[in-house]
Amino acid sequence: MESLALMVAIIVAPPMFGGPIALLLSLWKIDQVSTLRRTIILSLSIASAFIGIYLIFGRVSSGATLIGLMGLSTGTIAIWRVRRSSKISDQQ
């Protein structure tokens, strides 16, 4: 039973924590985004979005579906903000 709980925690952690952390990192001083920070934001966001899609379309409980929606939405917003900031910095 402990291994099942560990497996569920590993599956649910990226959309539950990765997406919001990536969004917070993309909101903080967006004009000074380093390459390392951009890489961390993109990796957290992509993992959060993909696992969020899995939780949305999989046969899971409604709580897991809501966690998947949260991960997908925060991950895509963070990706959008990083892409937008890189386009703005390229124009200047």
Protein backbone atom coordinates (compact mmCIF):
# COMPACT_ATOMS: atom_id res chain seq x y z
CA MET A 1 0.00 0.00 0.00
CA GLU A 2 2.85 2.38 0.69
CA SER A 3 4.21 1.93 -2.81
CA LEU A 4 0.78 2.78 -4.27
CA ALA A 5 0.65 5.97 -2.22
CA LEU A 6 4.15 6.86 -3.38
CA MET A 7 3.17 6.26 -7.02
CA VAL A 8 0.10 8.50 -6.69
CA ALA A 9 2.19 11.22 -5.05
CA ILE A 10 4.72 11.08 -7.91
CA ILE A 11 1.95 11.32 -10.52
CA VAL A 12 0.02 14.13 -8.84
CA ALA A 13 2.99 16.27 -7.70
CA PRO A 14 3.96 17.94 -11.04
CA PRO A 15 0.53 19.41 -11.86
CA MET A 16 -0.18 20.27 -8.24
CA PHE A 17 3.12 22.00 -7.49
CA GLY A 18 5.07 22.33 -10.76
CA GLY A 19 2.54 24.43 -12.64
CA PRO A 20 1.96 27.01 -9.88
CA ILE A 21 5.70 27.24 -9.13
CA ALA A 22 6.43 27.79 -12.83
CA LEU A 23 3.73 30.46 -12.98
CA LEU A 24 5.16 32.23 -9.93
CA LEU A 25 8.65 32.12 -11.44
CA SER A 26 7.31 33.62 -14.66
CA LEU A 27 5.53 36.43 -12.80
CA TRP A 28 8.57 37.52 -10.79
CA LYS A 29 10.75 40.10 -12.63
CA ILE A 30 9.76 38.96 -16.10
CA ASP A 31 12.10 41.45 -17.81
CA GLN A 32 15.15 39.78 -16.19
CA VAL A 33 14.63 36.12 -17.13
CA SER A 34 17.91 34.20 -17.33
CA THR A 35 18.44 31.11 -19.45
CA LEU A 36 18.49 28.86 -16.38
CA ARG A 37 15.25 30.30 -15.05
CA ARG A 38 13.61 29.99 -18.47
CA THR A 39 14.71 26.33 -18.64
CA ILE A 40 13.31 25.60 -15.17
CA ILE A 41 10.01 27.32 -16.01
CA LEU A 42 9.64 25.46 -19.29
CA SER A 43 10.50 22.05 -17.82
CA LEU A 44 8.08 22.47 -14.90
CA SER A 45 5.37 23.80 -17.21
CA ILE A 46 5.69 21.06 -19.81
CA ALA A 47 5.66 18.31 -17.18
CA SER A 48 2.69 19.91 -15.47
CA ALA A 49 0.75 20.29 -18.72
CA PHE A 50 1.36 16.74 -19.97
CA ILE A 51 0.55 15.05 -16.68
CA GLY A 52 -2.43 17.41 -16.31
CA ILE A 53 -3.77 16.23 -19.68
CA TYR A 54 -3.30 12.64 -18.53
CA LEU A 55 -5.27 13.35 -15.35
CA ILE A 56 -8.04 15.16 -17.24
CA PHE A 57 -8.66 12.45 -19.83
CA GLY A 58 -7.87 9.41 -17.68
CA ARG A 59 -10.51 7.55 -15.72
CA VAL A 60 -9.73 9.10 -12.37
CA SER A 61 -11.67 10.86 -9.64
CA SER A 62 -13.03 14.36 -9.95
CA GLY A 63 -10.36 15.65 -7.53
CA ALA A 64 -7.59 14.38 -9.78
CA THR A 65 -9.34 15.94 -12.77
CA LEU A 66 -9.39 19.31 -10.99
CA ILE A 67 -5.70 18.96 -10.14
CA GLY A 68 -5.07 18.17 -13.82
CA LEU A 69 -7.00 21.27 -14.90
CA MET A 70 -5.03 23.39 -12.46
CA GLY A 71 -1.73 21.98 -13.71
CA LEU A 72 -2.65 22.37 -17.37
CA SER A 73 -3.89 25.94 -16.98
CA THR A 74 -0.99 27.20 -14.86
CA GLY A 75 1.55 25.40 -17.05
CA THR A 76 0.22 26.86 -20.29
CA ILE A 77 0.00 30.36 -18.82
CA ALA A 78 3.63 30.11 -17.64
CA ILE A 79 4.76 28.90 -21.09
CA TRP A 80 2.82 31.73 -22.72
CA ARG A 81 4.40 34.33 -20.43
CA VAL A 82 7.95 33.08 -21.03
CA ARG A 83 7.44 32.98 -24.80
CA ARG A 84 5.92 36.46 -24.75
CA SER A 85 8.77 37.89 -22.66
CA SER A 86 11.38 36.39 -25.00
CA LYS A 87 9.65 37.95 -28.03
CA ILE A 88 9.50 41.33 -26.31
CA SER A 89 13.20 41.19 -25.32
CA ASP A 90 14.15 40.22 -28.89
CA GLN A 91 12.38 43.30 -30.27
CA GLN A 92 14.21 45.71 -27.96
